[in-house]
Amino acid sequence: MFSTLRTALKVFLPTMPMTLVSARNPTLTKNASAVFRVEPRMTKHEIQEYLSKIYQLPVKKVNTMNYMGKRKRVFGRRKIAYYKYRDFKKAIVIFDDSLRDVGLGTRIISEEQEDRA
């Protein structure tokens, strides 16, 4: 009559790809930031959780922009074919003050001066 409840731990693995477009190290007035190209269905909260839990990055703020895929015309011998690129979302991630280097092989000038001393 009564069924036993299954108490299993649900683990959600990220299946949405994130492509790094560009990244900038912090300056005196701005925090470090990175631009990612993500799937349109990803939300700001999912992007923040993805970066903070998997890569342990201190994310301060996430801004997103939606883009429609471009439409192209391909001229064939007999007819014109139409092609549409996929829609995408661009996410601008601003990191916390604690992140000193984005990790793309560039170094901050003040750190280079400290290494020389």
PDB file of N, CA and C in Angstrom:
ATOM      1  N   MET A   1       0.826  -1.185   0.000  1.00  0.00           N
ATOM      2  CA  MET A   1       0.000   0.000   0.000  1.00  0.00           C
ATOM      3  C   MET A   1       0.874   1.253   0.000  1.00  0.00           C
ATOM      4  N   PHE A   2       1.839   1.312   0.888  1.00  0.00           N
ATOM      5  CA  PHE A   2       2.748   2.446   0.925  1.00  0.00           C
ATOM      6  C   PHE A   2       4.027   2.071   0.196  1.00  0.00           C
ATOM      7  N   SER A   3       4.478   2.966  -0.638  1.00  0.00           N
ATOM      8  CA  SER A   3       5.731   2.703  -1.346  1.00  0.00           C
ATOM      9  C   SER A   3       6.877   3.372  -0.604  1.00  0.00           C
ATOM     10  N   THR A   4       8.019   2.783  -0.717  1.00  0.00           N
ATOM     11  CA  THR A   4       9.181   3.375  -0.062  1.00  0.00           C
ATOM     12  C   THR A   4       9.677   4.550  -0.886  1.00  0.00           C
ATOM     13  N   LEU A   5      10.079   5.581  -0.206  1.00  0.00           N
ATOM     14  CA  LEU A   5      10.593   6.763  -0.885  1.00  0.00           C
ATOM     15  C   LEU A   5      12.058   6.551  -1.232  1.00  0.00           C
ATOM     16  N   ARG A   6      12.407   6.936  -2.406  1.00  0.00           N
ATOM     17  CA  ARG A   6      13.798   6.849  -2.822  1.00  0.00           C
ATOM     18  C   ARG A   6      14.488   8.164  -2.480  1.00  0.00           C
ATOM     19  N   THR A   7      15.420   8.080  -1.615  1.00  0.00           N
ATOM     20  CA  THR A   7      16.158   9.282  -1.227  1.00  0.00           C
ATOM     21  C   THR A   7      17.543   9.217  -1.849  1.00  0.00           C
ATOM     22  N   ALA A   8      17.638   9.666  -3.047  1.00  0.00           N
ATOM     23  CA  ALA A   8      18.921   9.662  -3.750  1.00  0.00           C
ATOM     24  C   ALA A   8      19.422  11.088  -3.882  1.00  0.00           C
ATOM     25  N   LEU A   9      20.709  11.216  -3.868  1.00  0.00           N
ATOM     26  CA  LEU A   9      21.324  12.522  -4.023  1.00  0.00           C
ATOM     27  C   LEU A   9      21.337  12.885  -5.499  1.00  0.00           C
ATOM     28  N   LYS A  10      20.732  13.994  -5.837  1.00  0.00           N
ATOM     29  CA  LYS A  10      20.705  14.430  -7.226  1.00  0.00           C
ATOM     30  C   LYS A  10      21.907  15.319  -7.494  1.00  0.00           C
ATOM     31  N   VAL A  11      22.655  14.966  -8.500  1.00  0.00           N
ATOM     32  CA  VAL A  11      23.827  15.731  -8.890  1.00  0.00           C
ATOM     33  C   VAL A  11      23.576  16.256 -10.290  1.00  0.00           C
ATOM     34  N   PHE A  12      23.631  17.559 -10.449  1.00  0.00           N
ATOM     35  CA  PHE A  12      23.402  18.171 -11.741  1.00  0.00           C
ATOM     36  C   PHE A  12      24.743  18.546 -12.360  1.00  0.00           C
ATOM     37  N   LEU A  13      25.053  17.957 -13.483  1.00  0.00           N
ATOM     38  CA  LEU A  13      26.283  18.269 -14.188  1.00  0.00           C
ATOM     39  C   LEU A  13      25.994  19.306 -15.260  1.00  0.00           C
ATOM     40  N   PRO A  14      26.877  20.261 -15.460  1.00  0.00           N
ATOM     41  CA  PRO A  14      26.623  21.291 -16.468  1.00  0.00           C
ATOM     42  C   PRO A  14      26.726  20.714 -17.875  1.00  0.00           C
ATOM     43  N   THR A  15      25.687  20.918 -18.648  1.00  0.00           N
ATOM     44  CA  THR A  15      25.684  20.437 -20.030  1.00  0.00           C
ATOM     45  C   THR A  15      25.655  21.590 -21.016  1.00  0.00           C
ATOM     46  N   MET A  16      25.742  22.806 -20.522  1.00  0.00           N
ATOM     47  CA  MET A  16      25.702  23.969 -21.396  1.00  0.00           C
ATOM     48  C   MET A  16      27.109  24.524 -21.571  1.00  0.00           C
ATOM     49  N   PRO A  17      27.575  24.629 -22.806  1.00  0.00           N
ATOM     50  CA  PRO A  17      28.948  25.110 -23.014  1.00  0.00           C
ATOM     51  C   PRO A  17      29.066  26.617 -22.832  1.00  0.00           C
ATOM     52  N   MET A  18      30.223  27.033 -22.346  1.00  0.00           N
ATOM     53  CA  MET A  18      30.557  28.448 -22.226  1.00  0.00           C
ATOM     54  C   MET A  18      31.867  28.662 -22.964  1.00  0.00           C
ATOM     55  N   THR A  19      31.878  29.600 -23.895  1.00  0.00           N
ATOM     56  CA  THR A  19      33.071  29.888 -24.676  1.00  0.00           C
ATOM     57  C   THR A  19      33.634  31.230 -24.237  1.00  0.00           C
ATOM     58  N   LEU A  20      34.894  31.246 -23.853  1.00  0.00           N
ATOM     59  CA  LEU A  20      35.543  32.490 -23.447  1.00  0.00           C
ATOM     60  C   LEU A  20      35.888  33.294 -24.688  1.00  0.00           C
ATOM     61  N   VAL A  21      35.354  34.517 -24.773  1.00  0.00           N
ATOM     62  CA  VAL A  21      35.610  35.393 -25.915  1.00  0.00           C
ATOM     63  C   VAL A  21      36.798  36.297 -25.620  1.00  0.00           C
ATOM     64  N   SER A  22      36.785  36.963 -24.474  1.00  0.00           N
ATOM     65  CA  SER A  22      37.902  37.822 -24.086  1.00  0.00           C
ATOM     66  C   SER A  22      37.912  37.970 -22.569  1.00  0.00           C
ATOM     67  N   ALA A  23      39.069  38.390 -22.049  1.00  0.00           N
ATOM     68  CA  ALA A  23      39.212  38.602 -20.610  1.00  0.00           C
ATOM     69  C   ALA A  23      40.155  39.762 -20.373  1.00  0.00           C
ATOM     70  N   ARG A  24      39.920  40.483 -19.278  1.00  0.00           N
ATOM     71  CA  ARG A  24      40.757  41.637 -18.931  1.00  0.00           C
ATOM     72  C   ARG A  24      41.159  41.555 -17.473  1.00  0.00           C
ATOM     73  N   ASN A  25      42.421  41.842 -17.220  1.00  0.00           N
ATOM     74  CA  ASN A  25      42.920  41.896 -15.849  1.00  0.00           C
ATOM     75  C   ASN A  25      42.447  43.180 -15.181  1.00  0.00           C
ATOM     76  N   PRO A  26      42.450  43.235 -13.858  1.00  0.00           N
ATOM     77  CA  PRO A  26      41.980  44.444 -13.177  1.00  0.00           C
ATOM     78  C   PRO A  26      42.939  45.612 -13.354  1.00  0.00           C
ATOM     79  N   THR A  27      42.369  46.810 -13.324  1.00  0.00           N
ATOM     80  CA  THR A  27      43.150  48.042 -13.336  1.00  0.00           C
ATOM     81  C   THR A  27      42.912  48.742 -12.004  1.00  0.00           C
ATOM     82  N   LEU A  28      43.389  49.970 -11.895  1.00  0.00           N
ATOM     83  CA  LEU A  28      43.187  50.700 -10.645  1.00  0.00           C
ATOM     84  C   LEU A  28      41.728  51.079 -10.423  1.00  0.00           C
ATOM     85  N   THR A  29      40.959  51.262 -11.511  1.00  0.00           N
ATOM     86  CA  THR A  29      39.573  51.704 -11.377  1.00  0.00           C
ATOM     87  C   THR A  29      38.550  50.619 -11.679  1.00  0.00           C
ATOM     88  N   LYS A  30      38.940  49.548 -12.375  1.00  0.00           N
ATOM     89  CA  LYS A  30      37.976  48.516 -12.770  1.00  0.00           C
ATOM     90  C   LYS A  30      38.413  47.145 -12.274  1.00  0.00           C
ATOM     91  N   ASN A  31      37.427  46.317 -11.969  1.00  0.00           N
ATOM     92  CA  ASN A  31      37.701  44.938 -11.574  1.00  0.00           C
ATOM     93  C   ASN A  31      37.991  44.095 -12.808  1.00  0.00           C
ATOM     94  N   ALA A  32      38.506  42.898 -12.582  1.00  0.00           N
ATOM     95  CA  ALA A  32      38.749  41.959 -13.678  1.00  0.00           C
ATOM     96  C   ALA A  32      37.411  41.542 -14.281  1.00  0.00           C
ATOM     97  N   SER A  33      37.396  41.337 -15.602  1.00  0.00           N
ATOM     98  CA  SER A  33      36.157  40.951 -16.266  1.00  0.00           C
ATOM     99  C   SER A  33      36.463  39.970 -17.382  1.00  0.00           C
ATOM    100  N   ALA A  34      35.436  39.234 -17.786  1.00  0.00           N
ATOM    101  CA  ALA A  34      35.557  38.278 -18.876  1.00  0.00           C
ATOM    102  C   ALA A  34      34.250  38.259 -19.649  1.00  0.00           C
ATOM    103  N   VAL A  35      34.349  37.991 -20.952  1.00  0.00           N
ATOM    104  CA  VAL A  35      33.174  37.915 -21.816  1.00  0.00           C
ATOM    105  C   VAL A  35      33.050  36.472 -22.293  1.00  0.00           C
ATOM    106  N   PHE A  36      31.874  35.886 -22.092  1.00  0.00           N
ATOM    107  CA  PHE A  36      31.599  34.516 -22.498  1.00  0.00           C
ATOM    108  C   PHE A  36      30.458  34.498 -23.504  1.00  0.00           C
ATOM    109  N   ARG A  37      30.490  33.511 -24.392  1.00  0.00           N
ATOM    110  CA  ARG A  37      29.385  33.262 -25.321  1.00  0.00           C
ATOM    111  C   ARG A  37      28.691  31.999 -24.822  1.00  0.00           C
ATOM    112  N   VAL A  38      27.411  32.121 -24.453  1.00  0.00           N
ATOM    113  CA  VAL A  38      26.687  31.021 -23.819  1.00  0.00           C
ATOM    114  C   VAL A  38      25.408  30.728 -24.595  1.00  0.00           C
ATOM    115  N   GLU A  39      24.730  29.658 -24.191  1.00  0.00           N
ATOM    116  CA  GLU A  39      23.446  29.294 -24.776  1.00  0.00           C
ATOM    117  C   GLU A  39      22.386  30.321 -24.359  1.00  0.00           C
ATOM    118  N   PRO A  40      21.401  30.596 -25.215  1.00  0.00           N
ATOM    119  CA  PRO A  40      20.380  31.603 -24.867  1.00  0.00           C
ATOM    120  C   PRO A  40      19.535  31.243 -23.649  1.00  0.00           C
ATOM    121  N   ARG A  41      19.430  29.972 -23.322  1.00  0.00           N
ATOM    122  CA  ARG A  41      18.573  29.578 -22.197  1.00  0.00           C
ATOM    123  C   ARG A  41      19.257  29.679 -20.839  1.00  0.00           C
ATOM    124  N   MET A  42      20.549  29.980 -20.798  1.00  0.00           N
ATOM    125  CA  MET A  42      21.254  30.136 -19.520  1.00  0.00           C
ATOM    126  C   MET A  42      20.884  31.469 -18.874  1.00  0.00           C
ATOM    127  N   THR A  43      20.631  31.434 -17.584  1.00  0.00           N
ATOM    128  CA  THR A  43      20.286  32.646 -16.854  1.00  0.00           C
ATOM    129  C   THR A  43      21.526  33.209 -16.165  1.00  0.00           C
ATOM    130  N   LYS A  44      21.393  34.420 -15.636  1.00  0.00           N
ATOM    131  CA  LYS A  44      22.510  35.053 -14.928  1.00  0.00           C
ATOM    132  C   LYS A  44      22.914  34.234 -13.707  1.00  0.00           C
ATOM    133  N   HIS A  45      21.920  33.730 -13.000  1.00  0.00           N
ATOM    134  CA  HIS A  45      22.206  32.947 -11.799  1.00  0.00           C
ATOM    135  C   HIS A  45      22.942  31.652 -12.153  1.00  0.00           C
ATOM    136  N   GLU A  46      22.545  30.984 -13.235  1.00  0.00           N
ATOM    137  CA  GLU A  46      23.218  29.755 -13.652  1.00  0.00           C
ATOM    138  C   GLU A  46      24.665  30.017 -14.060  1.00  0.00           C
ATOM    139  N   ILE A  47      24.908  31.128 -14.739  1.00  0.00           N
ATOM    140  CA  ILE A  47      26.272  31.480 -15.144  1.00  0.00           C
ATOM    141  C   ILE A  47      27.132  31.733 -13.912  1.00  0.00           C
ATOM    142  N   GLN A  48      26.585  32.454 -12.939  1.00  0.00           N
ATOM    143  CA  GLN A  48      27.323  32.747 -11.711  1.00  0.00           C
ATOM    144  C   GLN A  48      27.622  31.462 -10.931  1.00  0.00           C
ATOM    145  N   GLU A  49      26.647  30.578 -10.798  1.00  0.00           N
ATOM    146  CA  GLU A  49      26.856  29.319 -10.089  1.00  0.00           C
ATOM    147  C   GLU A  49      27.852  28.429 -10.827  1.00  0.00           C
ATOM    148  N   TYR A  50      27.781  28.415 -12.140  1.00  0.00           N
ATOM    149  CA  TYR A  50      28.687  27.612 -12.973  1.00  0.00           C
ATOM    150  C   TYR A  50      30.133  28.015 -12.721  1.00  0.00           C
ATOM    151  N   LEU A  51      30.413  29.313 -12.747  1.00  0.00           N
ATOM    152  CA  LEU A  51      31.786  29.791 -12.583  1.00  0.00           C
ATOM    153  C   LEU A  51      32.268  29.698 -11.138  1.00  0.00           C
ATOM    154  N   SER A  52      31.381  29.944 -10.191  1.00  0.00           N
ATOM    155  CA  SER A  52      31.817  29.951  -8.792  1.00  0.00           C
ATOM    156  C   SER A  52      31.962  28.546  -8.214  1.00  0.00           C
ATOM    157  N   LYS A  53      31.110  27.614  -8.594  1.00  0.00           N
ATOM    158  CA  LYS A  53      31.182  26.277  -8.000  1.00  0.00           C
ATOM    159  C   LYS A  53      32.148  25.353  -8.730  1.00  0.00           C
ATOM    160  N   ILE A  54      32.236  25.459 -10.037  1.00  0.00           N
ATOM    161  CA  ILE A  54      33.117  24.555 -10.777  1.00  0.00           C
ATOM    162  C   ILE A  54      34.540  25.087 -10.815  1.00  0.00           C
ATOM    163  N   TYR A  55      34.702  26.373 -11.104  1.00  0.00           N
ATOM    164  CA  TYR A  55      36.039  26.949 -11.251  1.00  0.00           C
ATOM    165  C   TYR A  55      36.495  27.768 -10.045  1.00  0.00           C
ATOM    166  N   GLN A  56      35.671  27.880  -9.013  1.00  0.00           N
ATOM    167  CA  GLN A  56      35.975  28.631  -7.788  1.00  0.00           C
ATOM    168  C   GLN A  56      36.409  30.068  -8.090  1.00  0.00           C
ATOM    169  N   LEU A  57      35.691  30.736  -8.976  1.00  0.00           N
ATOM    170  CA  LEU A  57      35.978  32.129  -9.311  1.00  0.00           C
ATOM    171  C   LEU A  57      35.056  33.041  -8.508  1.00  0.00           C
ATOM    172  N   PRO A  58      35.571  34.133  -7.951  1.00  0.00           N
ATOM    173  CA  PRO A  58      34.734  35.053  -7.174  1.00  0.00           C
ATOM    174  C   PRO A  58      33.959  35.995  -8.097  1.00  0.00           C
ATOM    175  N   VAL A  59      32.738  35.636  -8.443  1.00  0.00           N
ATOM    176  CA  VAL A  59      31.919  36.423  -9.362  1.00  0.00           C
ATOM    177  C   VAL A  59      31.172  37.490  -8.583  1.00  0.00           C
ATOM    178  N   LYS A  60      31.287  38.740  -9.036  1.00  0.00           N
ATOM    179  CA  LYS A  60      30.604  39.854  -8.388  1.00  0.00           C
ATOM    180  C   LYS A  60      29.289  40.175  -9.095  1.00  0.00           C
ATOM    181  N   LYS A  61      29.314  40.210 -10.436  1.00  0.00           N
ATOM    182  CA  LYS A  61      28.139  40.631 -11.190  1.00  0.00           C
ATOM    183  C   LYS A  61      28.156  39.980 -12.568  1.00  0.00           C
ATOM    184  N   VAL A  62      26.957  39.691 -13.110  1.00  0.00           N
ATOM    185  CA  VAL A  62      26.830  39.117 -14.446  1.00  0.00           C
ATOM    186  C   VAL A  62      25.842  39.958 -15.241  1.00  0.00           C
ATOM    187  N   ASN A  63      26.270  40.423 -16.408  1.00  0.00           N
ATOM    188  CA  ASN A  63      25.390  41.124 -17.338  1.00  0.00           C
ATOM    189  C   ASN A  63      25.252  40.266 -18.590  1.00  0.00           C
ATOM    190  N   THR A  64      24.044  40.232 -19.173  1.00  0.00           N
ATOM    191  CA  THR A  64      23.827  39.405 -20.359  1.00  0.00           C
ATOM    192  C   THR A  64      23.190  40.223 -21.473  1.00  0.00           C
ATOM    193  N   MET A  65      23.467  39.789 -22.705  1.00  0.00           N
ATOM    194  CA  MET A  65      22.879  40.394 -23.899  1.00  0.00           C
ATOM    195  C   MET A  65      22.475  39.275 -24.852  1.00  0.00           C
ATOM    196  N   ASN A  66      21.264  39.339 -25.379  1.00  0.00           N
ATOM    197  CA  ASN A  66      20.786  38.337 -26.327  1.00  0.00           C
ATOM    198  C   ASN A  66      21.035  38.807 -27.752  1.00  0.00           C
ATOM    199  N   TYR A  67      21.488  37.877 -28.600  1.00  0.00           N
ATOM    200  CA  TYR A  67      21.752  38.175 -30.003  1.00  0.00           C
ATOM    201  C   TYR A  67      20.991  37.191 -30.878  1.00  0.00           C
ATOM    202  N   MET A  68      20.391  37.711 -31.939  1.00  0.00           N
ATOM    203  CA  MET A  68      19.745  36.863 -32.934  1.00  0.00           C
ATOM    204  C   MET A  68      20.796  36.440 -33.946  1.00  0.00           C
ATOM    205  N   GLY A  69      20.717  35.190 -34.401  1.00  0.00           N
ATOM    206  CA  GLY A  69      21.670  34.701 -35.391  1.00  0.00           C
ATOM    207  C   GLY A  69      21.476  35.399 -36.724  1.00  0.00           C
ATOM    208  N   LYS A  70      22.582  35.636 -37.426  1.00  0.00           N
ATOM    209  CA  LYS A  70      22.506  36.323 -38.714  1.00  0.00           C
ATOM    210  C   LYS A  70      21.881  35.418 -39.766  1.00  0.00           C
ATOM    211  N   ARG A  71      21.200  36.039 -40.708  1.00  0.00           N
ATOM    212  CA  ARG A  71      20.604  35.307 -41.826  1.00  0.00           C
ATOM    213  C   ARG A  71      21.455  35.535 -43.065  1.00  0.00           C
ATOM    214  N   LYS A  72      21.719  34.464 -43.777  1.00  0.00           N
ATOM    215  CA  LYS A  72      22.554  34.536 -44.977  1.00  0.00           C
ATOM    216  C   LYS A  72      21.791  33.964 -46.163  1.00  0.00           C
ATOM    217  N   ARG A  73      22.125  34.471 -47.348  1.00  0.00           N
ATOM    218  CA  ARG A  73      21.585  33.924 -48.595  1.00  0.00           C
ATOM    219  C   ARG A  73      22.726  33.268 -49.359  1.00  0.00           C
ATOM    220  N   VAL A  74      22.500  32.052 -49.802  1.00  0.00           N
ATOM    221  CA  VAL A  74      23.486  31.330 -50.596  1.00  0.00           C
ATOM    222  C   VAL A  74      22.898  31.160 -51.985  1.00  0.00           C
ATOM    223  N   PHE A  75      23.590  31.696 -52.998  1.00  0.00           N
ATOM    224  CA  PHE A  75      23.097  31.629 -54.365  1.00  0.00           C
ATOM    225  C   PHE A  75      23.586  30.342 -55.019  1.00  0.00           C
ATOM    226  N   GLY A  76      22.657  29.501 -55.417  1.00  0.00           N
ATOM    227  CA  GLY A  76      22.989  28.266 -56.113  1.00  0.00           C
ATOM    228  C   GLY A  76      22.760  28.434 -57.607  1.00  0.00           C
ATOM    229  N   ARG A  77      22.858  27.350 -58.332  1.00  0.00           N
ATOM    230  CA  ARG A  77      22.649  27.419 -59.788  1.00  0.00           C
ATOM    231  C   ARG A  77      21.184  27.623 -60.144  1.00  0.00           C
ATOM    232  N   ARG A  78      20.306  26.998 -59.388  1.00  0.00           N
ATOM    233  CA  ARG A  78      18.890  27.058 -59.751  1.00  0.00           C
ATOM    234  C   ARG A  78      18.039  27.867 -58.785  1.00  0.00           C
ATOM    235  N   LYS A  79      18.445  27.952 -57.553  1.00  0.00           N
ATOM    236  CA  LYS A  79      17.614  28.664 -56.581  1.00  0.00           C
ATOM    237  C   LYS A  79      18.495  29.321 -55.520  1.00  0.00           C
ATOM    238  N   ILE A  80      17.863  30.146 -54.711  1.00  0.00           N
ATOM    239  CA  ILE A  80      18.542  30.822 -53.611  1.00  0.00           C
ATOM    240  C   ILE A  80      18.181  30.087 -52.322  1.00  0.00           C
ATOM    241  N   ALA A  81      19.185  29.680 -51.582  1.00  0.00           N
ATOM    242  CA  ALA A  81      18.963  29.001 -50.309  1.00  0.00           C
ATOM    243  C   ALA A  81      19.232  29.988 -49.174  1.00  0.00           C
ATOM    244  N   TYR A  82      18.453  29.884 -48.120  1.00  0.00           N
ATOM    245  CA  TYR A  82      18.606  30.758 -46.966  1.00  0.00           C
ATOM    246  C   TYR A  82      19.179  29.961 -45.799  1.00  0.00           C
ATOM    247  N   TYR A  83      20.080  30.580 -45.054  1.00  0.00           N
ATOM    248  CA  TYR A  83      20.737  29.949 -43.924  1.00  0.00           C
ATOM    249  C   TYR A  83      20.709  30.915 -42.750  1.00  0.00           C
ATOM    250  N   LYS A  84      20.464  30.387 -41.557  1.00  0.00           N
ATOM    251  CA  LYS A  84      20.440  31.220 -40.357  1.00  0.00           C
ATOM    252  C   LYS A  84      21.399  30.631 -39.330  1.00  0.00           C
ATOM    253  N   TYR A  85      22.287  31.486 -38.804  1.00  0.00           N
ATOM    254  CA  TYR A  85      23.175  31.067 -37.734  1.00  0.00           C
ATOM    255  C   TYR A  85      22.387  30.947 -36.435  1.00  0.00           C
ATOM    256  N   ARG A  86      22.937  30.218 -35.470  1.00  0.00           N
ATOM    257  CA  ARG A  86      22.252  30.008 -34.203  1.00  0.00           C
ATOM    258  C   ARG A  86      22.209  31.286 -33.375  1.00  0.00           C
ATOM    259  N   ASP A  87      21.138  31.441 -32.594  1.00  0.00           N
ATOM    260  CA  ASP A  87      21.048  32.539 -31.643  1.00  0.00           C
ATOM    261  C   ASP A  87      22.021  32.267 -30.494  1.00  0.00           C
ATOM    262  N   PHE A  88      22.512  33.335 -29.865  1.00  0.00           N
ATOM    263  CA  PHE A  88      23.416  33.157 -28.736  1.00  0.00           C
ATOM    264  C   PHE A  88      23.236  34.294 -27.755  1.00  0.00           C
ATOM    265  N   LYS A  89      23.817  34.106 -26.592  1.00  0.00           N
ATOM    266  CA  LYS A  89      23.784  35.104 -25.532  1.00  0.00           C
ATOM    267  C   LYS A  89      25.220  35.420 -25.151  1.00  0.00           C
ATOM    268  N   LYS A  90      25.503  36.688 -24.942  1.00  0.00           N
ATOM    269  CA  LYS A  90      26.826  37.114 -24.510  1.00  0.00           C
ATOM    270  C   LYS A  90      26.728  37.504 -23.039  1.00  0.00           C
ATOM    271  N   ALA A  91      27.615  36.939 -22.226  1.00  0.00           N
ATOM    272  CA  ALA A  91      27.615  37.207 -20.789  1.00  0.00           C
ATOM    273  C   ALA A  91      28.901  37.930 -20.413  1.00  0.00           C
ATOM    274  N   ILE A  92      28.753  39.104 -19.799  1.00  0.00           N
ATOM    275  CA  ILE A  92      29.898  39.856 -19.295  1.00  0.00           C
ATOM    276  C   ILE A  92      29.955  39.619 -17.791  1.00  0.00           C
ATOM    277  N   VAL A  93      31.023  38.970 -17.349  1.00  0.00           N
ATOM    278  CA  VAL A  93      31.176  38.600 -15.947  1.00  0.00           C
ATOM    279  C   VAL A  93      32.210  39.521 -15.313  1.00  0.00           C
ATOM    280  N   ILE A  94      31.815  40.203 -14.242  1.00  0.00           N
ATOM    281  CA  ILE A  94      32.719  41.071 -13.491  1.00  0.00           C
ATOM    282  C   ILE A  94      33.084  40.332 -12.209  1.00  0.00           C
ATOM    283  N   PHE A  95      34.383  40.161 -11.990  1.00  0.00           N
ATOM    284  CA  PHE A  95      34.861  39.405 -10.843  1.00  0.00           C
ATOM    285  C   PHE A  95      35.057  40.311  -9.634  1.00  0.00           C
ATOM    286  N   ASP A  96      35.190  39.692  -8.479  1.00  0.00           N
ATOM    287  CA  ASP A  96      35.382  40.396  -7.217  1.00  0.00           C
ATOM    288  C   ASP A  96      36.792  40.984  -7.145  1.00  0.00           C
ATOM    289  N   ASP A  97      37.016  41.860  -6.164  1.00  0.00           N
ATOM    290  CA  ASP A  97      38.324  42.501  -5.996  1.00  0.00           C
ATOM    291  C   ASP A  97      39.431  41.507  -5.660  1.00  0.00           C
ATOM    292  N   SER A  98      39.073  40.363  -5.113  1.00  0.00           N
ATOM    293  CA  SER A  98      40.092  39.398  -4.690  1.00  0.00           C
ATOM    294  C   SER A  98      40.800  38.726  -5.862  1.00  0.00           C
ATOM    295  N   LEU A  99      40.221  38.748  -7.053  1.00  0.00           N
ATOM    296  CA  LEU A  99      40.853  38.134  -8.223  1.00  0.00           C
ATOM    297  C   LEU A  99      41.846  39.114  -8.822  1.00  0.00           C
ATOM    298  N   ARG A 100      43.121  38.759  -8.779  1.00  0.00           N
ATOM    299  CA  ARG A 100      44.177  39.652  -9.249  1.00  0.00           C
ATOM    300  C   ARG A 100      44.594  39.370 -10.686  1.00  0.00           C
ATOM    301  N   ASP A 101      44.468  38.116 -11.131  1.00  0.00           N
ATOM    302  CA  ASP A 101      44.905  37.734 -12.468  1.00  0.00           C
ATOM    303  C   ASP A 101      43.847  36.831 -13.081  1.00  0.00           C
ATOM    304  N   VAL A 102      43.451  37.131 -14.308  1.00  0.00           N
ATOM    305  CA  VAL A 102      42.433  36.333 -14.975  1.00  0.00           C
ATOM    306  C   VAL A 102      43.000  34.980 -15.389  1.00  0.00           C
ATOM    307  N   GLY A 103      44.295  34.899 -15.605  1.00  0.00           N
ATOM    308  CA  GLY A 103      44.916  33.618 -15.895  1.00  0.00           C
ATOM    309  C   GLY A 103      45.168  33.362 -17.362  1.00  0.00           C
ATOM    310  N   LEU A 104      45.352  34.403 -18.138  1.00  0.00           N
ATOM    311  CA  LEU A 104      45.613  34.242 -19.565  1.00  0.00           C
ATOM    312  C   LEU A 104      47.070  34.497 -19.903  1.00  0.00           C
ATOM    313  N   GLY A 105      47.928  34.414 -18.921  1.00  0.00           N
ATOM    314  CA  GLY A 105      49.347  34.598 -19.172  1.00  0.00           C
ATOM    315  C   GLY A 105      49.811  36.036 -19.065  1.00  0.00           C
ATOM    316  N   THR A 106      48.924  36.958 -18.776  1.00  0.00           N
ATOM    317  CA  THR A 106      49.315  38.353 -18.602  1.00  0.00           C
ATOM    318  C   THR A 106      49.491  38.630 -17.121  1.00  0.00           C
ATOM    319  N   ARG A 107      50.381  39.525 -16.806  1.00  0.00           N
ATOM    320  CA  ARG A 107      50.645  39.857 -15.415  1.00  0.00           C
ATOM    321  C   ARG A 107      50.403  41.336 -15.176  1.00  0.00           C
ATOM    322  N   ILE A 108      50.100  41.663 -13.948  1.00  0.00           N
ATOM    323  CA  ILE A 108      49.860  43.047 -13.569  1.00  0.00           C
ATOM    324  C   ILE A 108      51.206  43.738 -13.375  1.00  0.00           C
ATOM    325  N   ILE A 109      51.290  44.995 -13.770  1.00  0.00           N
ATOM    326  CA  ILE A 109      52.555  45.734 -13.738  1.00  0.00           C
ATOM    327  C   ILE A 109      53.098  45.826 -12.321  1.00  0.00           C
ATOM    328  N   SER A 110      52.241  46.062 -11.332  1.00  0.00           N
ATOM    329  CA  SER A 110      52.721  46.203  -9.958  1.00  0.00           C
ATOM    330  C   SER A 110      53.335  44.894  -9.450  1.00  0.00           C
ATOM    331  N   GLU A 111      52.815  43.747  -9.875  1.00  0.00           N
ATOM    332  CA  GLU A 111      53.388  42.464  -9.475  1.00  0.00           C
ATOM    333  C   GLU A 111      54.756  42.258 -10.107  1.00  0.00           C
ATOM    334  N   GLU A 112      54.933  42.704 -11.353  1.00  0.00           N
ATOM    335  CA  GLU A 112      56.228  42.573 -12.014  1.00  0.00           C
ATOM    336  C   GLU A 112      57.276  43.426 -11.303  1.00  0.00           C
ATOM    337  N   GLN A 113      56.886  44.607 -10.838  1.00  0.00           N
ATOM    338  CA  GLN A 113      57.822  45.470 -10.126  1.00  0.00           C
ATOM    339  C   GLN A 113      58.201  44.859  -8.780  1.00  0.00           C
ATOM    340  N   GLU A 114      57.254  44.168  -8.118  1.00  0.00           N
ATOM    341  CA  GLU A 114      57.548  43.525  -6.844  1.00  0.00           C
ATOM    342  C   GLU A 114      58.507  42.353  -7.038  1.00  0.00           C
ATOM    343  N   ASP A 115      58.375  41.633  -8.167  1.00  0.00           N
ATOM    344  CA  ASP A 115      59.258  40.501  -8.431  1.00  0.00           C
ATOM    345  C   ASP A 115      60.695  40.950  -8.663  1.00  0.00           C
ATOM    346  N   ARG A 116      60.873  42.108  -9.260  1.00  0.00           N
ATOM    347  CA  ARG A 116      62.216  42.617  -9.543  1.00  0.00           C
ATOM    348  C   ARG A 116      62.925  43.082  -8.272  1.00  0.00           C
ATOM    349  N   ALA A 117      62.143  43.560  -7.308  1.00  0.00           N
ATOM    350  CA  ALA A 117      62.735  44.110  -6.070  1.00  0.00           C
ATOM    351  C   ALA A 117      63.213  43.029  -5.132  1.00  0.00           C
TER     352      ALA A 117
END
